[in-house]
């Protein structure tokens, strides 16, 4: 018989509790900008020579197979605009194993200062895109989850942590919710 602390259910419960504590008490270390600068976008669409990102949906609902009870979900459509080259996409949400090593997380904030960090990806449970090569002209949908948060106003600011697609500049969307 396995000791209770080695059963999958116990390990999952331990992870879920530790992650709920993380979501409740973790404020982004840097809530203004990374050291590499920002790309500020008014609205829900950004385009460069290589790619385009469109925010296609917002919703708050119960999330299955996740460590958070409810989450504010933001759906993004990422499109490789290059006709001859592949584009390496790395999620704006960190992998769960990177949580302790990253200094900056994507986060969302409403005009009243209510803030939530992005939920890290657990590739075995979430079904979200962590890393992927996009073929020429290919588009994918990405869902970012924000911990137990609902906007308290119609104006929000979503800051996506810089990555190789944005030359490590944070992508800041100033958004008016419907």
N, C-alpha and C. Protein backbone atom coordinates (compact mmCIF):
# COMPACT_ATOMS: atom_id res chain seq x y z
N UNK A 1 0.84 -1.18 0.00
CA UNK A 1 0.00 0.00 0.00
C UNK A 1 0.89 1.25 0.00
N UNK A 2 0.56 2.20 -0.86
CA UNK A 2 1.32 3.45 -0.95
C UNK A 2 1.05 4.34 0.26
N UNK A 3 2.09 5.04 0.74
CA UNK A 3 1.82 6.04 1.77
C UNK A 3 0.90 7.12 1.20
N UNK A 4 0.05 7.69 2.05
CA UNK A 4 -0.94 8.68 1.60
C UNK A 4 -0.31 9.86 0.88
N UNK A 5 0.90 10.25 1.28
CA UNK A 5 1.51 11.43 0.67
C UNK A 5 2.07 11.18 -0.72
N UNK A 6 1.97 9.95 -1.22
CA UNK A 6 2.46 9.66 -2.57
C UNK A 6 1.34 9.38 -3.57
N UNK A 7 0.13 9.42 -3.15
CA UNK A 7 -0.96 9.15 -4.07
C UNK A 7 -1.16 10.33 -5.00
N UNK A 8 -1.60 10.07 -6.24
CA UNK A 8 -1.82 11.18 -7.18
C UNK A 8 -2.83 12.20 -6.66
N UNK A 9 -3.88 11.75 -5.99
CA UNK A 9 -4.88 12.68 -5.47
C UNK A 9 -4.27 13.61 -4.42
N UNK A 10 -3.45 13.06 -3.53
CA UNK A 10 -2.79 13.88 -2.51
C UNK A 10 -1.86 14.90 -3.16
N UNK A 11 -1.07 14.46 -4.14
CA UNK A 11 -0.14 15.37 -4.81
C UNK A 11 -0.89 16.47 -5.55
N UNK A 12 -2.00 16.11 -6.20
CA UNK A 12 -2.79 17.13 -6.90
C UNK A 12 -3.38 18.11 -5.91
N UNK A 13 -3.91 17.61 -4.78
CA UNK A 13 -4.49 18.50 -3.76
C UNK A 13 -3.43 19.44 -3.20
N UNK A 14 -2.23 18.92 -2.96
CA UNK A 14 -1.14 19.76 -2.46
C UNK A 14 -0.79 20.84 -3.46
N UNK A 15 -0.73 20.47 -4.75
CA UNK A 15 -0.44 21.45 -5.80
C UNK A 15 -1.55 22.50 -5.85
N UNK A 16 -2.80 22.07 -5.82
CA UNK A 16 -3.92 23.00 -5.93
C UNK A 16 -3.93 23.99 -4.77
N UNK A 17 -3.67 23.51 -3.56
CA UNK A 17 -3.64 24.41 -2.40
C UNK A 17 -2.50 25.40 -2.52
N UNK A 18 -1.32 24.92 -2.89
CA UNK A 18 -0.18 25.83 -3.00
C UNK A 18 -0.41 26.85 -4.11
N UNK A 19 -1.08 26.45 -5.19
CA UNK A 19 -1.31 27.39 -6.27
C UNK A 19 -2.36 28.42 -5.91
N UNK A 20 -3.39 28.00 -5.16
CA UNK A 20 -4.40 28.97 -4.72
C UNK A 20 -3.77 30.01 -3.80
N UNK A 21 -2.85 29.58 -2.95
CA UNK A 21 -2.13 30.53 -2.10
C UNK A 21 -1.30 31.45 -2.97
N UNK A 22 -0.65 30.90 -4.01
CA UNK A 22 0.14 31.72 -4.93
C UNK A 22 -0.74 32.79 -5.59
N UNK A 23 -1.90 32.39 -6.09
CA UNK A 23 -2.79 33.34 -6.77
C UNK A 23 -3.30 34.40 -5.81
N UNK A 24 -3.59 34.02 -4.61
CA UNK A 24 -4.18 34.97 -3.67
C UNK A 24 -3.17 35.99 -3.16
N UNK A 25 -1.92 35.58 -2.98
CA UNK A 25 -0.97 36.46 -2.31
C UNK A 25 0.16 36.97 -3.19
N UNK A 26 0.24 36.54 -4.42
CA UNK A 26 1.34 36.98 -5.26
C UNK A 26 0.95 38.20 -6.07
N UNK A 27 1.62 39.28 -5.83
CA UNK A 27 1.46 40.51 -6.60
C UNK A 27 2.60 40.51 -7.61
N UNK A 28 2.40 40.95 -8.83
CA UNK A 28 3.51 40.97 -9.77
C UNK A 28 4.68 41.75 -9.20
N UNK A 29 5.90 41.24 -9.40
CA UNK A 29 7.08 41.93 -8.90
C UNK A 29 7.27 43.27 -9.59
N UNK A 30 6.88 43.34 -10.83
CA UNK A 30 7.05 44.57 -11.58
C UNK A 30 5.72 44.87 -12.26
N UNK A 31 4.96 45.77 -11.73
CA UNK A 31 3.63 46.02 -12.27
C UNK A 31 3.59 47.16 -13.27
N UNK A 32 4.72 47.72 -13.60
CA UNK A 32 4.73 48.82 -14.56
C UNK A 32 5.36 48.44 -15.89
N UNK A 33 6.59 47.94 -15.88
CA UNK A 33 7.25 47.61 -17.13
C UNK A 33 8.48 46.77 -16.85
N UNK A 34 8.83 45.91 -17.79
CA UNK A 34 10.10 45.22 -17.68
C UNK A 34 11.19 46.21 -18.07
N UNK A 35 12.42 45.82 -17.88
CA UNK A 35 13.53 46.75 -18.16
C UNK A 35 13.74 46.97 -19.65
N UNK A 36 13.08 46.20 -20.49
CA UNK A 36 13.30 46.30 -21.93
C UNK A 36 12.30 47.21 -22.64
N UNK A 37 11.40 47.85 -21.92
CA UNK A 37 10.46 48.77 -22.54
C UNK A 37 9.11 48.15 -22.80
N UNK A 38 8.25 48.94 -23.44
CA UNK A 38 6.88 48.53 -23.69
C UNK A 38 6.45 48.88 -25.10
N UNK A 39 5.49 48.10 -25.58
CA UNK A 39 4.74 48.43 -26.78
C UNK A 39 3.32 48.64 -26.28
N UNK A 40 2.81 49.86 -26.39
CA UNK A 40 1.48 50.18 -25.85
C UNK A 40 0.47 50.19 -26.99
N UNK A 41 -0.64 49.49 -26.78
CA UNK A 41 -1.69 49.35 -27.78
C UNK A 41 -3.00 49.82 -27.18
N UNK A 42 -3.68 50.74 -27.83
CA UNK A 42 -5.03 51.12 -27.42
C UNK A 42 -6.00 50.29 -28.24
N UNK A 43 -6.70 49.40 -27.59
CA UNK A 43 -7.61 48.50 -28.29
C UNK A 43 -7.18 47.06 -28.14
N UNK A 44 -7.72 46.21 -29.01
CA UNK A 44 -7.50 44.78 -28.86
C UNK A 44 -6.72 44.14 -30.01
N UNK A 45 -5.94 44.92 -30.75
CA UNK A 45 -5.21 44.36 -31.89
C UNK A 45 -3.82 44.98 -32.00
N UNK A 46 -2.81 44.10 -32.21
CA UNK A 46 -1.44 44.55 -32.43
C UNK A 46 -0.87 43.79 -33.63
N UNK A 47 -0.13 44.49 -34.48
CA UNK A 47 0.49 43.85 -35.64
C UNK A 47 1.90 44.37 -35.83
N UNK A 48 2.81 43.43 -36.12
CA UNK A 48 4.18 43.77 -36.50
C UNK A 48 4.40 43.24 -37.91
N UNK A 49 5.63 43.29 -38.39
CA UNK A 49 5.93 42.73 -39.72
C UNK A 49 5.78 41.21 -39.74
N UNK A 50 5.98 40.57 -38.57
CA UNK A 50 6.02 39.12 -38.52
C UNK A 50 4.74 38.47 -38.00
N UNK A 51 4.02 39.14 -37.13
CA UNK A 51 2.87 38.50 -36.50
C UNK A 51 1.80 39.53 -36.13
N UNK A 52 0.61 39.00 -35.85
CA UNK A 52 -0.49 39.83 -35.35
C UNK A 52 -1.10 39.12 -34.15
N UNK A 53 -1.54 39.92 -33.17
CA UNK A 53 -2.23 39.39 -32.00
C UNK A 53 -3.55 40.14 -31.88
N UNK A 54 -4.63 39.37 -31.81
CA UNK A 54 -5.96 39.97 -31.60
C UNK A 54 -6.56 39.37 -30.34
N UNK A 55 -7.11 40.21 -29.49
CA UNK A 55 -7.86 39.73 -28.34
C UNK A 55 -9.27 39.48 -28.84
N UNK A 56 -9.70 38.23 -28.78
CA UNK A 56 -10.98 37.87 -29.40
C UNK A 56 -12.12 37.66 -28.42
N UNK A 57 -11.81 37.43 -27.13
CA UNK A 57 -12.89 37.16 -26.18
C UNK A 57 -12.42 37.36 -24.74
N UNK A 58 -13.36 37.73 -23.88
CA UNK A 58 -13.15 37.83 -22.44
C UNK A 58 -14.30 37.10 -21.77
N UNK A 59 -14.01 36.36 -20.70
CA UNK A 59 -15.10 35.79 -19.92
C UNK A 59 -14.58 35.36 -18.55
N UNK A 60 -15.48 35.32 -17.60
CA UNK A 60 -15.17 34.83 -16.27
C UNK A 60 -16.03 33.59 -16.06
N UNK A 61 -15.37 32.46 -15.74
CA UNK A 61 -16.13 31.25 -15.51
C UNK A 61 -15.32 30.23 -14.73
N UNK A 62 -15.98 29.17 -14.33
CA UNK A 62 -15.31 28.08 -13.63
C UNK A 62 -14.42 27.36 -14.63
N UNK A 63 -13.21 27.03 -14.20
CA UNK A 63 -12.24 26.39 -15.09
C UNK A 63 -12.06 24.94 -14.66
N UNK A 64 -12.28 24.03 -15.57
CA UNK A 64 -12.09 22.61 -15.28
C UNK A 64 -10.61 22.27 -15.42
N UNK A 65 -10.15 21.29 -14.66
CA UNK A 65 -8.77 20.81 -14.71
C UNK A 65 -7.76 21.91 -14.44
N UNK A 66 -8.06 22.79 -13.55
CA UNK A 66 -7.14 23.86 -13.20
C UNK A 66 -7.11 24.00 -11.70
N UNK A 67 -6.08 24.65 -11.20
CA UNK A 67 -5.94 24.82 -9.76
C UNK A 67 -6.69 26.05 -9.26
N UNK A 68 -7.26 26.83 -10.14
CA UNK A 68 -8.04 27.99 -9.70
C UNK A 68 -9.52 27.67 -9.88
N UNK A 69 -10.32 28.17 -8.97
CA UNK A 69 -11.75 27.91 -9.01
C UNK A 69 -12.41 28.60 -10.20
N UNK A 70 -12.19 29.89 -10.28
CA UNK A 70 -12.70 30.66 -11.41
C UNK A 70 -11.56 31.50 -11.95
N UNK A 71 -11.69 31.86 -13.17
CA UNK A 71 -10.63 32.66 -13.78
C UNK A 71 -11.24 33.62 -14.79
N UNK A 72 -10.57 34.74 -14.94
CA UNK A 72 -10.89 35.67 -16.01
C UNK A 72 -10.11 35.15 -17.21
N UNK A 73 -10.80 34.78 -18.26
CA UNK A 73 -10.16 34.19 -19.43
C UNK A 73 -10.07 35.21 -20.56
N UNK A 74 -8.89 35.30 -21.14
CA UNK A 74 -8.67 36.18 -22.29
C UNK A 74 -8.23 35.29 -23.44
N UNK A 75 -8.98 35.31 -24.53
CA UNK A 75 -8.62 34.53 -25.72
C UNK A 75 -7.86 35.42 -26.69
N UNK A 76 -6.72 34.92 -27.14
CA UNK A 76 -5.89 35.63 -28.11
C UNK A 76 -5.81 34.81 -29.38
N UNK A 77 -5.76 35.49 -30.51
CA UNK A 77 -5.48 34.82 -31.78
C UNK A 77 -4.12 35.35 -32.23
N UNK A 78 -3.16 34.44 -32.38
CA UNK A 78 -1.81 34.80 -32.81
C UNK A 78 -1.63 34.29 -34.23
N UNK A 79 -1.26 35.18 -35.13
CA UNK A 79 -1.19 34.85 -36.55
C UNK A 79 0.22 35.13 -37.07
N UNK A 80 0.85 34.12 -37.66
CA UNK A 80 2.15 34.29 -38.32
C UNK A 80 1.88 34.95 -39.67
N UNK A 81 2.33 36.17 -39.85
CA UNK A 81 2.08 36.90 -41.10
C UNK A 81 3.12 36.62 -42.18
N UNK A 82 4.17 35.91 -41.83
CA UNK A 82 5.23 35.62 -42.79
C UNK A 82 4.79 34.51 -43.73
N UNK A 83 5.04 34.69 -45.01
CA UNK A 83 4.61 33.69 -45.99
C UNK A 83 5.64 32.60 -46.23
N UNK A 84 6.89 32.83 -45.83
CA UNK A 84 7.95 31.86 -46.09
C UNK A 84 8.61 31.31 -44.83
N UNK A 85 8.42 31.95 -43.69
CA UNK A 85 9.14 31.55 -42.48
C UNK A 85 8.20 31.07 -41.39
N UNK A 86 8.73 30.14 -40.61
CA UNK A 86 8.02 29.71 -39.41
C UNK A 86 8.25 30.74 -38.31
N UNK A 87 7.34 30.79 -37.38
CA UNK A 87 7.44 31.71 -36.25
C UNK A 87 7.39 30.89 -34.97
N UNK A 88 8.36 31.10 -34.09
CA UNK A 88 8.38 30.39 -32.83
C UNK A 88 7.51 31.15 -31.83
N UNK A 89 6.44 30.52 -31.37
CA UNK A 89 5.54 31.14 -30.39
C UNK A 89 5.81 30.54 -29.02
N UNK A 90 6.02 31.39 -28.04
CA UNK A 90 6.13 30.99 -26.64
C UNK A 90 5.05 31.74 -25.88
N UNK A 91 4.27 31.03 -25.12
CA UNK A 91 3.12 31.63 -24.43
C UNK A 91 3.51 32.83 -23.58
N UNK A 92 2.56 33.73 -23.41
CA UNK A 92 2.74 34.86 -22.50
C UNK A 92 2.51 34.43 -21.05
N UNK A 93 2.12 33.18 -20.84
CA UNK A 93 2.01 32.60 -19.50
C UNK A 93 3.22 31.70 -19.28
N UNK A 94 3.87 31.78 -18.12
CA UNK A 94 5.03 30.93 -17.89
C UNK A 94 4.62 29.49 -17.63
N UNK A 95 5.55 28.59 -17.82
CA UNK A 95 5.31 27.20 -17.44
C UNK A 95 5.39 27.12 -15.92
N UNK A 96 4.62 26.21 -15.34
CA UNK A 96 4.59 26.11 -13.88
C UNK A 96 5.99 25.95 -13.31
N UNK A 97 6.87 25.21 -13.96
CA UNK A 97 8.22 24.98 -13.44
C UNK A 97 9.07 26.25 -13.46
N UNK A 98 8.66 27.28 -14.21
CA UNK A 98 9.41 28.54 -14.27
C UNK A 98 8.96 29.56 -13.23
N UNK A 99 7.96 29.22 -12.43
CA UNK A 99 7.36 30.21 -11.53
C UNK A 99 8.38 30.84 -10.60
N UNK A 100 9.29 30.09 -10.05
CA UNK A 100 10.26 30.66 -9.12
C UNK A 100 11.39 31.40 -9.78
N UNK A 101 11.59 31.17 -11.08
CA UNK A 101 12.76 31.75 -11.74
C UNK A 101 12.46 33.00 -12.55
N UNK A 102 11.21 33.30 -12.78
CA UNK A 102 10.89 34.47 -13.60
C UNK A 102 10.67 35.69 -12.72
N UNK A 103 11.12 36.83 -13.18
CA UNK A 103 10.96 38.07 -12.44
C UNK A 103 9.70 38.83 -12.84
N UNK A 104 9.12 38.47 -13.97
CA UNK A 104 8.01 39.26 -14.48
C UNK A 104 6.95 38.36 -15.08
N UNK A 105 5.73 38.53 -14.65
CA UNK A 105 4.60 37.77 -15.17
C UNK A 105 3.68 38.70 -15.92
N UNK A 106 2.96 38.14 -16.87
CA UNK A 106 1.87 38.90 -17.48
C UNK A 106 0.82 39.14 -16.39
N UNK A 107 0.15 40.27 -16.46
CA UNK A 107 -0.86 40.57 -15.46
C UNK A 107 -1.94 41.44 -16.07
N UNK A 108 -3.03 41.56 -15.33
CA UNK A 108 -4.15 42.37 -15.76
C UNK A 108 -4.56 43.26 -14.59
N UNK A 109 -5.00 44.49 -14.90
CA UNK A 109 -5.38 45.44 -13.85
C UNK A 109 -6.54 46.29 -14.35
N UNK A 110 -7.51 46.53 -13.47
CA UNK A 110 -8.58 47.45 -13.84
C UNK A 110 -8.24 48.85 -13.35
N UNK A 111 -9.07 49.82 -13.70
CA UNK A 111 -8.75 51.22 -13.38
C UNK A 111 -8.81 51.53 -11.89
N UNK A 112 -9.31 50.59 -11.08
CA UNK A 112 -9.37 50.77 -9.63
C UNK A 112 -8.17 50.14 -8.93
N UNK A 113 -7.24 49.58 -9.71
CA UNK A 113 -6.04 48.99 -9.13
C UNK A 113 -6.14 47.51 -8.80
N UNK A 114 -7.28 46.87 -9.06
CA UNK A 114 -7.42 45.44 -8.82
C UNK A 114 -6.56 44.71 -9.85
N UNK A 115 -5.67 43.84 -9.36
CA UNK A 115 -4.66 43.22 -10.21
C UNK A 115 -4.66 41.71 -10.04
N UNK A 116 -4.34 40.99 -11.11
CA UNK A 116 -4.16 39.54 -11.04
C UNK A 116 -3.08 39.12 -12.02
N UNK A 117 -2.25 38.18 -11.59
CA UNK A 117 -1.23 37.64 -12.48
C UNK A 117 -1.80 36.48 -13.30
N UNK A 118 -1.14 36.19 -14.40
CA UNK A 118 -1.55 35.09 -15.26
C UNK A 118 -1.28 33.76 -14.56
N UNK A 119 -2.14 32.80 -14.80
CA UNK A 119 -1.98 31.46 -14.24
C UNK A 119 -0.93 30.73 -15.07
N UNK A 120 0.13 30.21 -14.43
CA UNK A 120 1.13 29.45 -15.18
C UNK A 120 0.52 28.22 -15.84
N UNK A 121 1.16 27.75 -16.88
CA UNK A 121 0.66 26.61 -17.65
C UNK A 121 1.17 25.31 -17.06
N UNK A 122 0.26 24.39 -16.87
CA UNK A 122 0.62 23.01 -16.55
C UNK A 122 0.24 22.22 -17.78
N UNK A 123 1.19 21.94 -18.63
CA UNK A 123 0.90 21.37 -19.95
C UNK A 123 0.11 20.07 -19.89
N UNK A 124 0.23 19.32 -18.80
CA UNK A 124 -0.51 18.07 -18.73
C UNK A 124 -1.98 18.26 -18.38
N UNK A 125 -2.36 19.41 -17.86
CA UNK A 125 -3.75 19.61 -17.46
C UNK A 125 -4.47 20.70 -18.24
N UNK A 126 -3.81 21.79 -18.52
CA UNK A 126 -4.49 22.97 -19.04
C UNK A 126 -4.92 22.89 -20.49
N UNK A 127 -4.18 22.17 -21.33
CA UNK A 127 -4.51 22.13 -22.75
C UNK A 127 -4.22 23.45 -23.44
N UNK A 128 -3.34 24.27 -22.86
CA UNK A 128 -2.99 25.55 -23.46
C UNK A 128 -1.66 25.41 -24.20
N UNK A 129 -1.34 26.39 -25.03
CA UNK A 129 -0.10 26.36 -25.81
C UNK A 129 1.05 26.93 -25.00
N UNK A 130 2.08 26.13 -24.76
CA UNK A 130 3.25 26.64 -24.06
C UNK A 130 4.29 27.12 -25.07
N UNK A 131 4.67 26.23 -25.97
CA UNK A 131 5.63 26.57 -27.02
C UNK A 131 5.17 25.89 -28.29
N UNK A 132 5.33 26.59 -29.39
CA UNK A 132 4.88 26.00 -30.65
C UNK A 132 5.46 26.77 -31.82
N UNK A 133 5.81 26.05 -32.87
CA UNK A 133 6.21 26.70 -34.12
C UNK A 133 4.98 26.90 -34.98
N UNK A 134 4.79 28.12 -35.43
CA UNK A 134 3.68 28.40 -36.34
C UNK A 134 4.20 28.35 -37.76
N UNK A 135 3.53 27.60 -38.59
CA UNK A 135 3.88 27.53 -40.00
C UNK A 135 3.60 28.87 -40.66
N UNK A 136 4.18 29.12 -41.84
CA UNK A 136 3.87 30.36 -42.54
C UNK A 136 2.36 30.54 -42.69
N UNK A 137 1.88 31.71 -42.38
CA UNK A 137 0.46 32.10 -42.48
C UNK A 137 -0.47 31.35 -41.52
N UNK A 138 0.07 30.59 -40.59
CA UNK A 138 -0.76 29.84 -39.63
C UNK A 138 -1.18 30.75 -38.47
N UNK A 139 -2.37 30.47 -37.94
CA UNK A 139 -2.87 31.18 -36.77
C UNK A 139 -3.28 30.17 -35.70
N UNK A 140 -3.08 30.53 -34.44
CA UNK A 140 -3.52 29.68 -33.33
C UNK A 140 -4.30 30.54 -32.34
N UNK A 141 -5.05 29.87 -31.50
CA UNK A 141 -5.76 30.54 -30.42
C UNK A 141 -5.08 30.18 -29.11
N UNK A 142 -4.87 31.17 -28.27
CA UNK A 142 -4.28 30.98 -26.95
C UNK A 142 -5.25 31.52 -25.92
N UNK A 143 -5.40 30.82 -24.81
CA UNK A 143 -6.25 31.28 -23.72
C UNK A 143 -5.37 31.56 -22.52
N UNK A 144 -5.42 32.78 -22.04
CA UNK A 144 -4.71 33.16 -20.82
C UNK A 144 -5.72 33.20 -19.68
N UNK A 145 -5.35 32.60 -18.56
CA UNK A 145 -6.21 32.58 -17.38
C UNK A 145 -5.60 33.49 -16.32
N UNK A 146 -6.44 34.29 -15.69
CA UNK A 146 -6.00 35.16 -14.61
C UNK A 146 -6.72 34.73 -13.34
N UNK A 147 -5.97 34.57 -12.24
CA UNK A 147 -6.45 34.02 -10.97
C UNK A 147 -7.66 34.71 -10.41
N UNK A 148 -8.73 33.96 -10.19
CA UNK A 148 -9.88 34.39 -9.40
C UNK A 148 -10.12 35.89 -9.42
N UNK A 149 -10.33 36.41 -10.59
CA UNK A 149 -10.42 37.86 -10.78
C UNK A 149 -11.56 38.20 -11.71
N UNK A 150 -12.27 39.25 -11.39
CA UNK A 150 -13.29 39.79 -12.28
C UNK A 150 -13.10 41.30 -12.30
N UNK A 151 -13.13 41.90 -13.47
CA UNK A 151 -12.92 43.35 -13.54
C UNK A 151 -14.01 44.10 -12.80
N UNK A 152 -13.61 45.16 -12.13
CA UNK A 152 -14.57 45.99 -11.39
C UNK A 152 -14.94 47.24 -12.19
N UNK A 153 -14.49 47.31 -13.42
CA UNK A 153 -14.80 48.45 -14.28
C UNK A 153 -14.72 48.00 -15.74
N UNK A 154 -15.00 48.90 -16.64
CA UNK A 154 -14.98 48.58 -18.07
C UNK A 154 -13.62 48.84 -18.71
N UNK A 155 -12.72 49.53 -18.01
CA UNK A 155 -11.39 49.80 -18.57
C UNK A 155 -10.37 48.92 -17.86
N UNK A 156 -9.62 48.15 -18.65
CA UNK A 156 -8.56 47.33 -18.08
C UNK A 156 -7.27 47.52 -18.86
N UNK A 157 -6.19 47.17 -18.22
CA UNK A 157 -4.88 47.18 -18.86
C UNK A 157 -4.31 45.78 -18.70
N UNK A 158 -3.99 45.14 -19.82
CA UNK A 158 -3.38 43.82 -19.79
C UNK A 158 -1.95 43.95 -20.28
N UNK A 159 -1.01 43.56 -19.43
CA UNK A 159 0.40 43.62 -19.78
C UNK A 159 0.90 42.21 -20.00
N UNK A 160 1.32 41.92 -21.22
CA UNK A 160 1.88 40.61 -21.56
C UNK A 160 3.39 40.72 -21.47
N UNK A 161 3.99 39.84 -20.68
CA UNK A 161 5.43 39.87 -20.46
C UNK A 161 6.16 39.71 -21.79
N UNK A 162 7.17 40.52 -22.00
CA UNK A 162 7.93 40.48 -23.25
C UNK A 162 8.52 39.11 -23.52
N UNK A 163 8.57 38.74 -24.79
CA UNK A 163 9.20 37.49 -25.21
C UNK A 163 9.90 37.73 -26.55
N UNK A 164 10.37 36.66 -27.18
CA UNK A 164 11.15 36.83 -28.41
C UNK A 164 10.33 37.44 -29.54
N UNK A 165 9.02 37.26 -29.54
CA UNK A 165 8.18 37.83 -30.60
C UNK A 165 8.15 39.35 -30.52
N UNK A 166 8.22 39.89 -29.31
CA UNK A 166 8.12 41.34 -29.11
C UNK A 166 9.49 41.96 -28.80
N UNK A 167 10.56 41.27 -29.17
CA UNK A 167 11.92 41.73 -28.84
C UNK A 167 12.05 42.00 -27.35
N UNK A 168 11.43 41.16 -26.55
CA UNK A 168 11.44 41.23 -25.09
C UNK A 168 10.82 42.50 -24.52
N UNK A 169 10.05 43.19 -25.32
CA UNK A 169 9.30 44.35 -24.83
C UNK A 169 7.93 43.87 -24.37
N UNK A 170 7.45 44.43 -23.27
CA UNK A 170 6.12 44.08 -22.79
C UNK A 170 5.08 44.63 -23.75
N UNK A 171 4.05 43.86 -23.99
CA UNK A 171 2.95 44.28 -24.86
C UNK A 171 1.79 44.68 -23.96
N UNK A 172 1.46 45.96 -23.94
CA UNK A 172 0.45 46.51 -23.03
C UNK A 172 -0.79 46.89 -23.83
N UNK A 173 -1.90 46.22 -23.53
CA UNK A 173 -3.18 46.53 -24.18
C UNK A 173 -4.04 47.36 -23.23
N UNK A 174 -4.45 48.54 -23.66
CA UNK A 174 -5.45 49.34 -22.95
C UNK A 174 -6.79 49.01 -23.58
N UNK A 175 -7.66 48.37 -22.81
CA UNK A 175 -8.86 47.76 -23.37
C UNK A 175 -10.12 48.32 -22.72
N UNK A 176 -11.12 48.54 -23.54
CA UNK A 176 -12.46 48.90 -23.07
C UNK A 176 -13.30 47.63 -23.19
N UNK A 177 -13.79 47.11 -22.07
CA UNK A 177 -14.61 45.90 -22.10
C UNK A 177 -16.02 46.22 -22.60
N UNK A 178 -16.67 45.23 -23.23
CA UNK A 178 -18.04 45.44 -23.72
C UNK A 178 -19.03 45.62 -22.58
